[in-house]
Each structure stands twice: as C-alpha cells, then as structure tokens.
N, C-alpha and C. Protein backbone atom coordinates (compact mmCIF):
# COMPACT_ATOMS: atom_id res chain seq x y z
N MET A 1 35.03 -2.07 -41.33
CA MET A 1 35.07 -1.43 -40.06
C MET A 1 33.92 -1.97 -39.21
N ASP A 2 34.26 -2.38 -37.97
CA ASP A 2 33.24 -2.87 -37.05
C ASP A 2 32.54 -1.69 -36.39
N LEU A 3 31.23 -1.80 -36.31
CA LEU A 3 30.44 -0.78 -35.61
C LEU A 3 30.31 -1.17 -34.14
N PRO A 4 30.27 -0.18 -33.27
CA PRO A 4 30.07 -0.51 -31.86
C PRO A 4 28.72 -1.19 -31.68
N PRO A 5 28.59 -2.02 -30.65
CA PRO A 5 27.31 -2.69 -30.45
C PRO A 5 26.20 -1.67 -30.17
N ALA A 6 25.03 -1.98 -30.66
CA ALA A 6 23.89 -1.08 -30.43
C ALA A 6 23.45 -1.20 -28.98
N TYR A 7 23.16 -0.08 -28.37
CA TYR A 7 22.68 -0.09 -27.00
C TYR A 7 21.19 -0.42 -27.00
N PRO A 8 20.74 -1.17 -26.00
CA PRO A 8 19.30 -1.47 -25.95
C PRO A 8 18.52 -0.19 -25.66
N PRO A 9 17.29 -0.09 -26.13
CA PRO A 9 16.51 1.11 -25.86
C PRO A 9 16.28 1.26 -24.36
N SER A 10 16.09 2.48 -23.92
CA SER A 10 15.89 2.73 -22.50
C SER A 10 14.57 2.13 -22.05
N SER A 11 14.46 1.93 -20.76
CA SER A 11 13.23 1.39 -20.19
C SER A 11 12.03 2.25 -20.57
N GLN A 12 12.21 3.56 -20.53
CA GLN A 12 11.11 4.44 -20.86
C GLN A 12 10.61 4.21 -22.28
N GLN A 13 11.55 4.06 -23.22
CA GLN A 13 11.16 3.84 -24.61
C GLN A 13 10.45 2.51 -24.79
N VAL A 14 10.91 1.50 -24.08
CA VAL A 14 10.26 0.19 -24.16
C VAL A 14 8.83 0.28 -23.63
N ILE A 15 8.66 0.94 -22.49
CA ILE A 15 7.33 1.10 -21.90
C ILE A 15 6.43 1.91 -22.83
N GLU A 16 6.97 3.00 -23.38
CA GLU A 16 6.18 3.82 -24.31
C GLU A 16 5.67 2.99 -25.48
N GLN A 17 6.53 2.18 -26.07
CA GLN A 17 6.12 1.37 -27.21
C GLN A 17 5.06 0.35 -26.81
N LYS A 18 5.25 -0.26 -25.65
CA LYS A 18 4.27 -1.25 -25.18
C LYS A 18 2.91 -0.60 -24.93
N LEU A 19 2.92 0.63 -24.40
CA LEU A 19 1.65 1.32 -24.17
C LEU A 19 0.97 1.69 -25.48
N LEU A 20 1.77 2.06 -26.48
CA LEU A 20 1.20 2.30 -27.82
C LEU A 20 0.58 1.01 -28.36
N ASP A 21 1.28 -0.11 -28.13
CA ASP A 21 0.76 -1.40 -28.55
C ASP A 21 -0.54 -1.76 -27.83
N CYS A 22 -0.73 -1.21 -26.63
CA CYS A 22 -1.98 -1.42 -25.89
C CYS A 22 -3.13 -0.58 -26.47
N GLY A 23 -2.79 0.34 -27.37
CA GLY A 23 -3.81 1.15 -28.00
C GLY A 23 -3.93 2.55 -27.43
N LEU A 24 -3.01 2.95 -26.53
CA LEU A 24 -3.07 4.31 -26.00
C LEU A 24 -2.62 5.29 -27.08
N THR A 25 -3.17 6.49 -27.01
CA THR A 25 -2.90 7.54 -27.98
C THR A 25 -1.51 8.13 -27.77
N SER A 26 -0.73 8.20 -28.83
CA SER A 26 0.60 8.78 -28.78
C SER A 26 0.52 10.24 -28.33
N GLY A 27 1.39 10.63 -27.42
CA GLY A 27 1.43 12.00 -26.94
C GLY A 27 0.44 12.28 -25.81
N ALA A 28 -0.39 11.31 -25.47
CA ALA A 28 -1.40 11.51 -24.42
C ALA A 28 -0.99 10.86 -23.10
N PHE A 29 0.25 10.40 -23.04
CA PHE A 29 0.79 9.83 -21.80
C PHE A 29 2.27 10.13 -21.75
N THR A 30 2.82 10.13 -20.52
CA THR A 30 4.25 10.34 -20.36
C THR A 30 4.84 9.18 -19.57
N VAL A 31 6.10 8.90 -19.86
CA VAL A 31 6.85 7.87 -19.16
C VAL A 31 8.17 8.52 -18.77
N LYS A 32 8.33 8.76 -17.47
CA LYS A 32 9.49 9.55 -17.05
C LYS A 32 9.99 9.06 -15.68
N TYR A 33 11.31 8.97 -15.55
CA TYR A 33 11.89 8.65 -14.25
C TYR A 33 11.78 9.88 -13.36
N GLU A 34 11.25 9.68 -12.15
CA GLU A 34 11.10 10.76 -11.19
C GLU A 34 11.98 10.49 -9.98
N ASP A 35 12.94 11.39 -9.73
CA ASP A 35 13.85 11.23 -8.59
C ASP A 35 13.11 11.11 -7.27
N TYR A 36 12.09 11.94 -7.08
CA TYR A 36 11.39 11.95 -5.79
C TYR A 36 10.64 10.64 -5.53
N LEU A 37 10.32 9.90 -6.58
CA LEU A 37 9.67 8.59 -6.45
C LEU A 37 10.67 7.44 -6.49
N GLN A 38 11.88 7.74 -6.97
CA GLN A 38 12.89 6.70 -7.21
C GLN A 38 12.32 5.60 -8.10
N SER A 39 11.58 6.01 -9.10
CA SER A 39 10.89 5.09 -9.99
C SER A 39 10.48 5.82 -11.26
N ILE A 40 10.14 5.05 -12.26
CA ILE A 40 9.51 5.61 -13.45
C ILE A 40 8.04 5.81 -13.12
N GLU A 41 7.52 6.97 -13.49
CA GLU A 41 6.08 7.22 -13.35
C GLU A 41 5.48 7.32 -14.74
N VAL A 42 4.41 6.57 -14.95
CA VAL A 42 3.65 6.63 -16.19
C VAL A 42 2.40 7.43 -15.88
N VAL A 43 2.25 8.59 -16.53
CA VAL A 43 1.06 9.42 -16.34
C VAL A 43 0.22 9.30 -17.60
N ILE A 44 -0.98 8.76 -17.42
CA ILE A 44 -1.87 8.52 -18.56
C ILE A 44 -2.95 9.59 -18.56
N GLY A 45 -2.92 10.41 -19.59
CA GLY A 45 -3.87 11.52 -19.70
C GLY A 45 -5.29 11.05 -19.95
N ALA A 46 -6.22 11.93 -19.67
CA ALA A 46 -7.64 11.61 -19.86
C ALA A 46 -7.97 11.37 -21.33
N ASP A 47 -7.15 11.93 -22.23
CA ASP A 47 -7.41 11.77 -23.67
C ASP A 47 -6.57 10.65 -24.30
N ALA A 48 -6.00 9.76 -23.46
CA ALA A 48 -5.14 8.68 -23.97
C ALA A 48 -5.94 7.51 -24.53
N GLY A 49 -7.24 7.51 -24.29
CA GLY A 49 -8.07 6.42 -24.80
C GLY A 49 -8.04 5.18 -23.93
N ALA A 50 -7.54 5.29 -22.70
CA ALA A 50 -7.47 4.14 -21.80
C ALA A 50 -8.86 3.80 -21.28
N ALA A 51 -9.11 2.50 -21.12
CA ALA A 51 -10.38 2.02 -20.59
C ALA A 51 -10.10 0.84 -19.66
N LEU A 52 -11.11 0.45 -18.91
CA LEU A 52 -10.95 -0.64 -17.94
C LEU A 52 -10.38 -1.90 -18.59
N GLU A 53 -10.82 -2.19 -19.80
CA GLU A 53 -10.35 -3.41 -20.47
C GLU A 53 -8.88 -3.34 -20.88
N ASP A 54 -8.26 -2.16 -20.77
CA ASP A 54 -6.84 -2.00 -21.11
C ASP A 54 -5.92 -2.24 -19.91
N PHE A 55 -6.49 -2.37 -18.71
CA PHE A 55 -5.67 -2.44 -17.50
C PHE A 55 -4.65 -3.58 -17.53
N GLU A 56 -5.06 -4.75 -17.97
CA GLU A 56 -4.15 -5.89 -17.99
C GLU A 56 -2.97 -5.61 -18.91
N CYS A 57 -3.22 -5.04 -20.07
CA CYS A 57 -2.15 -4.71 -21.01
C CYS A 57 -1.25 -3.63 -20.43
N ILE A 58 -1.86 -2.60 -19.82
CA ILE A 58 -1.08 -1.51 -19.23
C ILE A 58 -0.18 -2.05 -18.12
N ARG A 59 -0.75 -2.90 -17.26
CA ARG A 59 0.02 -3.47 -16.15
C ARG A 59 1.20 -4.30 -16.68
N ALA A 60 0.97 -5.07 -17.72
CA ALA A 60 2.05 -5.86 -18.33
C ALA A 60 3.11 -4.96 -18.95
N ALA A 61 2.68 -3.84 -19.53
CA ALA A 61 3.61 -2.92 -20.19
C ALA A 61 4.52 -2.20 -19.21
N VAL A 62 3.98 -1.82 -18.04
CA VAL A 62 4.75 -1.00 -17.11
C VAL A 62 5.46 -1.81 -16.03
N GLY A 63 5.08 -3.07 -15.85
CA GLY A 63 5.72 -3.88 -14.80
C GLY A 63 5.43 -3.29 -13.43
N HIS A 64 6.49 -3.05 -12.66
CA HIS A 64 6.33 -2.56 -11.29
C HIS A 64 6.44 -1.03 -11.19
N GLU A 65 6.41 -0.35 -12.32
CA GLU A 65 6.51 1.10 -12.28
C GLU A 65 5.19 1.72 -11.82
N ILE A 66 5.24 2.98 -11.47
CA ILE A 66 4.07 3.69 -10.94
C ILE A 66 3.20 4.19 -12.08
N VAL A 67 1.89 3.94 -11.97
CA VAL A 67 0.94 4.39 -12.98
C VAL A 67 -0.01 5.39 -12.35
N THR A 68 -0.16 6.54 -12.98
CA THR A 68 -1.10 7.56 -12.52
C THR A 68 -2.01 7.92 -13.69
N PHE A 69 -3.30 7.76 -13.46
CA PHE A 69 -4.30 8.17 -14.45
C PHE A 69 -4.78 9.56 -14.08
N GLN A 70 -4.89 10.44 -15.06
CA GLN A 70 -5.45 11.77 -14.80
C GLN A 70 -6.96 11.72 -14.63
N ASP A 71 -7.58 10.67 -15.13
CA ASP A 71 -9.01 10.44 -14.93
C ASP A 71 -9.18 9.75 -13.57
N ASP A 72 -9.83 10.43 -12.62
CA ASP A 72 -9.96 9.90 -11.26
C ASP A 72 -10.66 8.55 -11.21
N HIS A 73 -11.68 8.34 -12.04
CA HIS A 73 -12.41 7.07 -12.03
C HIS A 73 -11.50 5.92 -12.47
N LEU A 74 -10.68 6.17 -13.49
CA LEU A 74 -9.74 5.13 -13.94
C LEU A 74 -8.67 4.88 -12.88
N GLN A 75 -8.21 5.94 -12.21
CA GLN A 75 -7.19 5.79 -11.17
C GLN A 75 -7.71 4.91 -10.04
N ILE A 76 -8.93 5.18 -9.59
CA ILE A 76 -9.52 4.39 -8.50
C ILE A 76 -9.73 2.95 -8.95
N ALA A 77 -10.24 2.75 -10.14
CA ALA A 77 -10.48 1.40 -10.65
C ALA A 77 -9.17 0.63 -10.80
N TYR A 78 -8.13 1.30 -11.29
CA TYR A 78 -6.82 0.64 -11.46
C TYR A 78 -6.23 0.26 -10.11
N ALA A 79 -6.32 1.16 -9.14
CA ALA A 79 -5.81 0.88 -7.80
C ALA A 79 -6.58 -0.27 -7.16
N ASP A 80 -7.90 -0.26 -7.31
CA ASP A 80 -8.72 -1.34 -6.74
C ASP A 80 -8.37 -2.68 -7.37
N GLN A 81 -8.22 -2.70 -8.69
CA GLN A 81 -7.88 -3.94 -9.37
C GLN A 81 -6.48 -4.42 -8.98
N SER A 82 -5.54 -3.49 -8.86
CA SER A 82 -4.18 -3.85 -8.46
C SER A 82 -4.18 -4.46 -7.06
N TYR A 83 -4.96 -3.87 -6.16
CA TYR A 83 -5.07 -4.39 -4.80
C TYR A 83 -5.65 -5.81 -4.81
N GLU A 84 -6.68 -6.04 -5.61
CA GLU A 84 -7.29 -7.37 -5.67
C GLU A 84 -6.28 -8.41 -6.18
N LEU A 85 -5.39 -8.00 -7.06
CA LEU A 85 -4.39 -8.92 -7.59
C LEU A 85 -3.34 -9.32 -6.54
N VAL A 86 -2.99 -8.38 -5.65
CA VAL A 86 -1.96 -8.69 -4.64
C VAL A 86 -2.55 -9.22 -3.34
N LYS A 87 -3.87 -9.11 -3.19
CA LYS A 87 -4.50 -9.49 -1.93
C LYS A 87 -4.24 -10.94 -1.51
N PRO A 88 -4.32 -11.94 -2.40
CA PRO A 88 -4.06 -13.32 -1.96
C PRO A 88 -2.64 -13.51 -1.39
N LYS A 89 -1.64 -12.90 -2.03
CA LYS A 89 -0.26 -13.03 -1.53
C LYS A 89 -0.11 -12.27 -0.21
N MET A 90 -0.74 -11.09 -0.12
CA MET A 90 -0.68 -10.30 1.10
C MET A 90 -1.30 -11.08 2.26
N LEU A 91 -2.44 -11.74 2.01
CA LEU A 91 -3.10 -12.53 3.04
C LEU A 91 -2.23 -13.70 3.46
N ALA A 92 -1.65 -14.40 2.50
CA ALA A 92 -0.79 -15.54 2.81
C ALA A 92 0.45 -15.12 3.59
N ASP A 93 1.09 -14.02 3.18
CA ASP A 93 2.29 -13.54 3.88
C ASP A 93 1.97 -13.10 5.30
N ALA A 94 0.86 -12.36 5.47
CA ALA A 94 0.48 -11.89 6.80
C ALA A 94 0.10 -13.06 7.69
N ALA A 95 -0.63 -14.03 7.14
CA ALA A 95 -1.01 -15.21 7.91
C ALA A 95 0.22 -15.98 8.35
N GLU A 96 1.21 -16.10 7.46
CA GLU A 96 2.44 -16.81 7.81
C GLU A 96 3.19 -16.08 8.92
N GLY A 97 3.23 -14.75 8.84
CA GLY A 97 3.88 -13.97 9.90
C GLY A 97 3.22 -14.18 11.24
N LEU A 98 1.89 -14.23 11.27
CA LEU A 98 1.16 -14.47 12.51
C LEU A 98 1.34 -15.92 12.97
N ARG A 99 1.34 -16.86 12.02
CA ARG A 99 1.52 -18.28 12.35
C ARG A 99 2.88 -18.51 13.01
N LYS A 100 3.93 -17.87 12.48
CA LYS A 100 5.27 -18.04 13.07
C LYS A 100 5.32 -17.57 14.51
N ARG A 101 4.49 -16.60 14.85
CA ARG A 101 4.43 -16.08 16.22
C ARG A 101 3.44 -16.88 17.08
N GLY A 102 2.75 -17.84 16.48
CA GLY A 102 1.74 -18.59 17.20
C GLY A 102 0.48 -17.78 17.44
N LEU A 103 0.23 -16.77 16.59
CA LEU A 103 -0.88 -15.85 16.80
C LEU A 103 -1.97 -15.93 15.73
N LEU A 104 -1.85 -16.90 14.81
CA LEU A 104 -2.90 -17.00 13.79
C LEU A 104 -4.16 -17.60 14.41
N ASP A 105 -3.99 -18.69 15.17
CA ASP A 105 -5.14 -19.27 15.87
C ASP A 105 -5.58 -18.27 16.93
N GLY A 106 -6.86 -18.05 17.00
CA GLY A 106 -7.39 -17.10 17.97
C GLY A 106 -7.31 -15.65 17.55
N PHE A 107 -6.95 -15.41 16.27
CA PHE A 107 -6.89 -14.03 15.80
C PHE A 107 -8.29 -13.42 15.90
N PRO A 108 -8.41 -12.21 16.42
CA PRO A 108 -9.73 -11.58 16.58
C PRO A 108 -10.46 -11.45 15.24
N GLU A 109 -11.75 -11.72 15.26
CA GLU A 109 -12.59 -11.56 14.07
C GLU A 109 -13.33 -10.23 14.17
N ARG A 110 -13.25 -9.41 13.14
CA ARG A 110 -13.87 -8.09 13.17
C ARG A 110 -15.36 -8.16 13.49
N THR A 111 -16.03 -9.19 13.00
CA THR A 111 -17.48 -9.31 13.20
C THR A 111 -17.86 -9.50 14.67
N ASN A 112 -16.90 -9.84 15.51
CA ASN A 112 -17.18 -10.03 16.94
C ASN A 112 -17.09 -8.74 17.74
N PHE A 113 -16.83 -7.62 17.07
CA PHE A 113 -16.64 -6.35 17.77
C PHE A 113 -17.59 -5.30 17.21
N SER A 114 -18.09 -4.46 18.10
CA SER A 114 -19.09 -3.46 17.72
C SER A 114 -18.49 -2.25 17.02
N SER A 115 -17.18 -2.06 17.11
CA SER A 115 -16.56 -0.88 16.50
C SER A 115 -15.13 -1.21 16.08
N ASP A 116 -14.60 -0.35 15.20
CA ASP A 116 -13.19 -0.49 14.81
C ASP A 116 -12.29 -0.31 16.02
N LYS A 117 -12.66 0.59 16.93
CA LYS A 117 -11.84 0.84 18.12
C LYS A 117 -11.74 -0.42 18.98
N ALA A 118 -12.88 -1.10 19.20
CA ALA A 118 -12.87 -2.33 20.00
C ALA A 118 -12.04 -3.41 19.30
N PHE A 119 -12.15 -3.50 17.97
CA PHE A 119 -11.37 -4.48 17.22
C PHE A 119 -9.87 -4.15 17.31
N ALA A 120 -9.54 -2.86 17.19
CA ALA A 120 -8.14 -2.43 17.28
C ALA A 120 -7.56 -2.78 18.65
N GLU A 121 -8.33 -2.58 19.70
CA GLU A 121 -7.87 -2.93 21.05
C GLU A 121 -7.64 -4.43 21.17
N ALA A 122 -8.48 -5.23 20.53
CA ALA A 122 -8.29 -6.68 20.56
C ALA A 122 -7.01 -7.07 19.82
N ILE A 123 -6.71 -6.39 18.71
CA ILE A 123 -5.46 -6.66 17.98
C ILE A 123 -4.26 -6.29 18.85
N GLU A 124 -4.31 -5.13 19.49
CA GLU A 124 -3.22 -4.72 20.39
C GLU A 124 -2.99 -5.78 21.46
N SER A 125 -4.06 -6.21 22.09
CA SER A 125 -3.97 -7.22 23.15
C SER A 125 -3.41 -8.53 22.60
N HIS A 126 -3.88 -8.93 21.42
CA HIS A 126 -3.43 -10.18 20.79
C HIS A 126 -1.92 -10.15 20.51
N CYS A 127 -1.40 -8.97 20.19
CA CYS A 127 0.04 -8.82 19.89
C CYS A 127 0.87 -8.51 21.13
N GLY A 128 0.23 -8.46 22.29
CA GLY A 128 0.97 -8.18 23.52
C GLY A 128 1.33 -6.73 23.70
N VAL A 129 0.56 -5.85 23.06
CA VAL A 129 0.80 -4.41 23.13
C VAL A 129 -0.20 -3.81 24.11
N GLU A 130 0.23 -2.84 24.89
CA GLU A 130 -0.67 -2.16 25.82
C GLU A 130 -1.83 -1.55 25.04
N VAL A 131 -3.05 -1.86 25.46
CA VAL A 131 -4.24 -1.38 24.78
C VAL A 131 -4.26 0.15 24.78
N GLY A 132 -4.47 0.71 23.60
CA GLY A 132 -4.50 2.16 23.44
C GLY A 132 -3.16 2.79 23.15
N SER A 133 -2.09 1.98 23.11
CA SER A 133 -0.76 2.56 22.90
C SER A 133 -0.42 2.72 21.42
N PHE A 134 -1.11 2.02 20.54
CA PHE A 134 -0.80 2.09 19.11
C PHE A 134 -1.93 2.75 18.32
N PHE A 135 -3.16 2.37 18.60
CA PHE A 135 -4.31 2.92 17.90
C PHE A 135 -4.95 4.03 18.73
N ALA A 136 -5.43 5.04 18.04
CA ALA A 136 -6.09 6.15 18.72
C ALA A 136 -7.25 6.64 17.87
N LYS A 137 -8.24 7.18 18.53
CA LYS A 137 -9.39 7.78 17.85
C LYS A 137 -9.04 9.23 17.53
N SER A 138 -9.36 9.66 16.34
CA SER A 138 -9.12 11.05 15.96
C SER A 138 -10.36 11.59 15.27
N GLU A 139 -10.33 12.84 14.91
CA GLU A 139 -11.47 13.42 14.20
C GLU A 139 -11.66 12.79 12.83
N TRP A 140 -10.63 12.11 12.30
CA TRP A 140 -10.72 11.46 10.99
C TRP A 140 -11.06 9.99 11.09
N GLY A 141 -11.15 9.46 12.30
CA GLY A 141 -11.41 8.04 12.50
C GLY A 141 -10.27 7.41 13.28
N LEU A 142 -10.13 6.12 13.16
CA LEU A 142 -9.10 5.39 13.89
C LEU A 142 -7.76 5.56 13.17
N ILE A 143 -6.71 5.86 13.94
CA ILE A 143 -5.38 6.06 13.36
C ILE A 143 -4.35 5.27 14.15
N ALA A 144 -3.23 5.00 13.50
CA ALA A 144 -2.08 4.37 14.16
C ALA A 144 -1.11 5.47 14.52
N LYS A 145 -0.70 5.49 15.79
CA LYS A 145 0.22 6.51 16.28
C LYS A 145 1.66 6.06 16.04
N ARG A 146 2.55 7.04 16.03
CA ARG A 146 3.98 6.71 16.05
C ARG A 146 4.30 6.16 17.43
N THR A 147 5.21 5.20 17.49
CA THR A 147 5.52 4.60 18.79
C THR A 147 6.88 5.02 19.33
N ALA A 148 7.78 5.47 18.49
CA ALA A 148 9.12 5.84 18.96
C ALA A 148 9.46 7.20 18.40
N GLY A 149 9.53 8.18 19.28
CA GLY A 149 9.79 9.54 18.85
C GLY A 149 11.10 9.71 18.12
N ASN A 150 12.12 8.95 18.52
CA ASN A 150 13.43 9.12 17.88
C ASN A 150 13.66 8.10 16.76
N GLY A 151 12.64 7.30 16.47
CA GLY A 151 12.76 6.35 15.37
C GLY A 151 13.41 5.03 15.74
N SER A 152 13.79 4.83 16.99
CA SER A 152 14.41 3.57 17.36
C SER A 152 13.48 2.79 18.28
N LEU A 153 13.43 1.49 18.06
CA LEU A 153 12.60 0.60 18.86
C LEU A 153 13.48 -0.49 19.45
N SER A 154 13.13 -0.94 20.65
CA SER A 154 13.81 -2.09 21.23
C SER A 154 13.43 -3.33 20.42
N ALA A 155 14.15 -4.42 20.59
CA ALA A 155 13.85 -5.65 19.86
C ALA A 155 12.44 -6.13 20.19
N SER A 156 12.04 -6.02 21.44
CA SER A 156 10.70 -6.44 21.87
C SER A 156 9.64 -5.55 21.23
N ASP A 157 9.86 -4.23 21.24
CA ASP A 157 8.90 -3.32 20.63
C ASP A 157 8.84 -3.51 19.11
N TRP A 158 9.98 -3.79 18.51
CA TRP A 158 10.01 -4.04 17.07
C TRP A 158 9.18 -5.27 16.74
N ASP A 159 9.31 -6.33 17.56
CA ASP A 159 8.54 -7.55 17.35
C ASP A 159 7.04 -7.27 17.47
N LYS A 160 6.66 -6.48 18.44
CA LYS A 160 5.25 -6.13 18.63
C LYS A 160 4.74 -5.29 17.45
N MET A 161 5.57 -4.36 16.99
CA MET A 161 5.19 -3.53 15.85
C MET A 161 5.00 -4.39 14.59
N THR A 162 5.90 -5.35 14.40
CA THR A 162 5.78 -6.25 13.26
C THR A 162 4.49 -7.06 13.36
N CYS A 163 4.17 -7.51 14.56
CA CYS A 163 2.92 -8.24 14.78
C CYS A 163 1.72 -7.36 14.43
N LEU A 164 1.74 -6.12 14.87
CA LEU A 164 0.63 -5.20 14.57
C LEU A 164 0.48 -4.98 13.07
N MET A 165 1.61 -4.80 12.38
CA MET A 165 1.55 -4.56 10.93
C MET A 165 1.04 -5.81 10.20
N ASN A 166 1.51 -7.00 10.62
CA ASN A 166 0.99 -8.25 10.04
C ASN A 166 -0.50 -8.37 10.30
N SER A 167 -0.93 -7.99 11.49
CA SER A 167 -2.35 -8.06 11.85
C SER A 167 -3.18 -7.13 10.98
N LEU A 168 -2.67 -5.92 10.74
CA LEU A 168 -3.39 -4.97 9.88
C LEU A 168 -3.49 -5.49 8.45
N ARG A 169 -2.39 -6.04 7.93
CA ARG A 169 -2.41 -6.60 6.58
C ARG A 169 -3.37 -7.79 6.50
N TYR A 170 -3.35 -8.62 7.53
CA TYR A 170 -4.21 -9.80 7.55
C TYR A 170 -5.68 -9.39 7.57
N ALA A 171 -6.04 -8.47 8.47
CA ALA A 171 -7.43 -8.02 8.56
C ALA A 171 -7.87 -7.35 7.27
N SER A 172 -7.00 -6.55 6.68
CA SER A 172 -7.32 -5.85 5.44
C SER A 172 -7.51 -6.84 4.29
N ALA A 173 -6.59 -7.79 4.15
CA ALA A 173 -6.65 -8.75 3.05
C ALA A 173 -7.84 -9.70 3.20
N LYS A 174 -8.25 -9.95 4.44
CA LYS A 174 -9.43 -10.79 4.66
C LYS A 174 -10.70 -10.06 4.27
N GLY A 175 -10.61 -8.75 4.14
CA GLY A 175 -11.78 -7.96 3.77
C GLY A 175 -12.69 -7.72 4.96
N ASP A 176 -12.09 -7.55 6.14
CA ASP A 176 -12.88 -7.37 7.35
C ASP A 176 -13.50 -5.99 7.47
N GLY A 177 -13.25 -5.10 6.54
CA GLY A 177 -13.85 -3.77 6.60
C GLY A 177 -13.27 -2.90 7.69
N PHE A 178 -12.05 -3.18 8.08
CA PHE A 178 -11.38 -2.43 9.14
C PHE A 178 -10.65 -1.26 8.50
N LYS A 179 -11.02 -0.04 8.86
CA LYS A 179 -10.45 1.16 8.28
C LYS A 179 -9.55 1.85 9.30
N ILE A 180 -8.35 2.20 8.85
CA ILE A 180 -7.40 2.88 9.72
C ILE A 180 -6.52 3.80 8.90
N GLY A 181 -6.10 4.90 9.49
CA GLY A 181 -5.16 5.80 8.86
C GLY A 181 -3.86 5.81 9.64
N PHE A 182 -2.83 6.41 9.07
CA PHE A 182 -1.54 6.51 9.73
C PHE A 182 -1.17 7.98 9.84
N ILE A 183 -0.48 8.32 10.90
CA ILE A 183 -0.06 9.71 11.08
C ILE A 183 1.45 9.80 11.07
N GLY A 184 1.91 10.99 10.77
CA GLY A 184 3.34 11.27 10.83
C GLY A 184 3.61 12.26 11.93
N ASN A 185 3.58 13.52 11.58
CA ASN A 185 3.90 14.56 12.55
C ASN A 185 2.67 15.29 13.08
N GLU A 186 1.47 14.78 12.76
CA GLU A 186 0.28 15.45 13.24
C GLU A 186 0.16 15.28 14.75
N LYS A 187 -0.49 16.22 15.38
CA LYS A 187 -0.78 16.13 16.80
C LYS A 187 -2.08 15.37 16.99
N LEU A 188 -2.10 14.49 17.98
CA LEU A 188 -3.32 13.79 18.34
C LEU A 188 -4.13 14.64 19.28
N PRO A 189 -5.43 14.34 19.41
CA PRO A 189 -6.26 15.13 20.30
C PRO A 189 -5.76 15.17 21.74
N ASP A 190 -5.06 14.13 22.18
CA ASP A 190 -4.55 14.11 23.56
C ASP A 190 -3.19 14.81 23.70
N GLY A 191 -2.72 15.43 22.58
CA GLY A 191 -1.46 16.17 22.62
C GLY A 191 -0.24 15.33 22.29
N THR A 192 -0.40 14.02 22.11
CA THR A 192 0.74 13.18 21.77
C THR A 192 0.97 13.24 20.28
N GLY A 193 2.05 12.61 19.84
CA GLY A 193 2.38 12.61 18.42
C GLY A 193 3.19 13.84 18.08
N GLY A 194 3.26 14.15 16.82
CA GLY A 194 4.04 15.32 16.38
C GLY A 194 5.51 15.10 16.63
N ASP A 195 6.21 16.17 16.88
CA ASP A 195 7.67 16.11 17.01
C ASP A 195 8.11 16.09 18.46
N GLU A 196 7.20 15.79 19.37
CA GLU A 196 7.57 15.80 20.78
C GLU A 196 8.46 14.64 21.12
C-alpha cells in the first residue's frame, strides 16, 4: 500500500527549529502568524538566551518575518543592525529615484542648513513643492503632513510626493541626522490635518 506523500513542515515549525539551532531556549519564544500583521511574528522572550552575537543566526532563521524582542535593549539593537544592513540598498535606490528626475545633482546638504525646518524647506523647493505644504513644525518636532484629504493625488502631486519620499530616504540613508515624524489623523497646531 502506497502512503500519501508527507507534507512539508509549516513555516512556523521550520523557523522554530532554526531558532533552537541558534541556541534559543525552547518555550521562551513564539512563532505565530498574526492576521493583523499579515505576517509571522517571532516574539523572543527575555529568558530566551538571545544575545547580540545571535542576531545573524536569528535573522537567517526568520527571513523576512517580523521579530520582536521583549528585552527593549535587544529590540533596539536588532532594529539598528537591521537598518544598517538595508541602508546601502536604500541609499542606492533613493539616489537612483532622484537621478531619474534629474534631482540628484544639487541635492541639499543638511550641513548647509541651521535647522531641520530649513533643510525640509530646501527639500520641498528641490522637489518643486510649495514650501511649507508638506513639512510642518509641531510640538513633537518636524512632521510630514497628509497632502490629500480624500487619499487621491493628481499625477503631478504624486510625482512630487514620490520625490519627497525619495529625498527623505536619501537624507536618512546618508546619515544626515534629519529627524522627521509622520502624522495620520492628528490635528496640526494650525488646525490642518485630521479628518477635515
């Protein structure tokens, strides 16, 4: 009698085994698909025995899945290391996006501006956006405002928005020290934003 073919183990089981192979303590981490994330989330407990030197193995074990450390120091270190790994590609992609628009040459340098606000205004101008229409000062610092209340942008506005996003990625990946936040439905000090 022929037996039906064996099914391959689930992704979660494969990840669990790989994490055990990395030296993490059994039962001290979870690997679970989360609907709200549309991804597998790996939650590594503080008692899992994870350390900085395990990051490369953990990253290889989980692939592109989401990793959350319950130890805040490990979470910050893992996020920082992950960012450093993607930064060269992010810089190259953003530079290429600006180059295609003819905007890489003459890109504003953060060191030439006395404040993030002045640098943000230079980026807006460089992308052909009305100064002050995208970036705003708030009690939390410099933020990017929503530009289309109903979620639709004209082709021209979409192009400008893409330029702004490439510019933010480029400045960030260059390590220019430019800090900005994004808002959703919050009200700005001037009353704009939100659901209006």
